[in-house]
Amino acid sequence: MDHLETSIQHELGGRKGLIFDRNVARLLDFVNTRENPFLVLAHNIPLYNFVTKQIVKDNIKARIVKSLKNGDAAYQ
């Protein structure tokens, strides 16, 4: 089994496949009943630069957000 495509198919066969399907169904039920737990609704969260490990200043954060919105609008 050197090919990844066939390994994945064989790994999800039988009991492992049933457990995987059950876990996916449980996750979808959770999201449908309690909304998405990974959705961030607060707008006052600081922007974090993962390269320099520092919080981005508010004026730079505003410029980045504005640039992203302008880019999205231009793309649309």
Protein backbone atom coordinates (compact mmCIF):
# COMPACT_ATOMS: atom_id res chain seq x y z
CA MET A 1 0.00 0.00 0.00
CA ASP A 2 2.31 2.74 -1.21
CA HIS A 3 -0.46 4.86 -2.70
CA LEU A 4 -2.14 7.31 -0.36
CA GLU A 5 -5.46 7.16 -2.23
CA THR A 6 -5.93 3.45 -1.63
CA SER A 7 -4.63 3.63 1.95
CA ILE A 8 -7.27 6.18 2.93
CA GLN A 9 -10.04 4.10 1.38
CA HIS A 10 -8.89 0.96 3.17
CA GLU A 11 -8.46 2.76 6.48
CA LEU A 12 -12.08 3.93 6.38
CA GLY A 13 -13.44 0.50 5.59
CA GLY A 14 -15.32 -1.64 8.07
CA ARG A 15 -15.51 -0.61 11.71
CA LYS A 16 -13.25 2.46 11.32
CA GLY A 17 -15.49 3.77 8.57
CA LEU A 18 -18.59 3.36 10.71
CA ILE A 19 -16.96 5.15 13.63
CA PHE A 20 -15.82 7.96 11.29
CA ASP A 21 -19.33 8.33 9.84
CA ARG A 22 -20.85 8.39 13.33
CA ASN A 23 -18.41 11.10 14.47
CA VAL A 24 -19.15 13.24 11.42
CA ALA A 25 -22.89 12.89 12.03
CA ARG A 26 -22.42 13.88 15.69
CA LEU A 27 -20.42 16.96 14.67
CA LEU A 28 -23.07 18.03 12.16
CA ASP A 29 -25.82 17.53 14.77
CA PHE A 30 -23.88 19.68 17.24
CA VAL A 31 -23.39 22.48 14.70
CA ASN A 32 -27.05 22.36 13.66
CA THR A 33 -28.39 22.51 17.23
CA ARG A 34 -25.91 24.87 18.90
CA GLU A 35 -24.64 26.96 16.00
CA ASN A 36 -21.01 27.07 14.91
CA PRO A 37 -18.72 27.07 17.99
CA PHE A 38 -15.82 28.40 15.94
CA LEU A 39 -17.55 31.59 14.82
CA VAL A 40 -16.09 34.73 16.39
CA LEU A 41 -18.68 37.45 16.84
CA ALA A 42 -16.65 40.09 18.71
CA HIS A 43 -15.12 42.88 16.63
CA ASN A 44 -12.72 44.18 19.27
CA ILE A 45 -10.31 41.27 19.09
CA PRO A 46 -6.74 42.47 18.53
CA LEU A 47 -4.94 41.40 15.39
CA TYR A 48 -1.95 39.19 16.20
CA ASN A 49 1.16 39.00 14.02
CA PHE A 50 2.26 35.38 14.25
CA VAL A 51 5.66 36.14 12.68
CA THR A 52 6.80 38.81 15.16
CA LYS A 53 4.63 37.50 18.04
CA GLN A 54 3.22 40.99 18.67
CA ILE A 55 -0.21 42.58 18.62
CA VAL A 56 -0.75 44.87 15.62
CA LYS A 57 -1.51 48.52 16.42
CA ASP A 58 -5.08 49.68 15.88
CA ASN A 59 -4.27 52.08 13.02
CA ILE A 60 -2.41 49.35 11.12
CA LYS A 61 -5.20 46.88 11.84
CA ALA A 62 -7.74 49.34 10.37
CA ARG A 63 -5.60 49.75 7.22
CA ILE A 64 -5.30 45.99 6.77
CA VAL A 65 -9.04 45.44 7.24
CA LYS A 66 -9.84 48.27 4.82
CA SER A 67 -7.43 46.82 2.27
CA LEU A 68 -9.06 43.39 2.59
CA LYS A 69 -12.54 44.87 2.17
CA ASN A 70 -11.45 46.90 -0.88
CA GLY A 71 -9.82 43.83 -2.40
CA ASP A 72 -12.95 41.76 -1.81
CA ALA A 73 -15.13 44.48 -3.36
CA ALA A 74 -12.82 44.72 -6.39
CA TYR A 75 -12.85 40.95 -6.75
CA GLN A 76 -16.64 40.85 -6.67
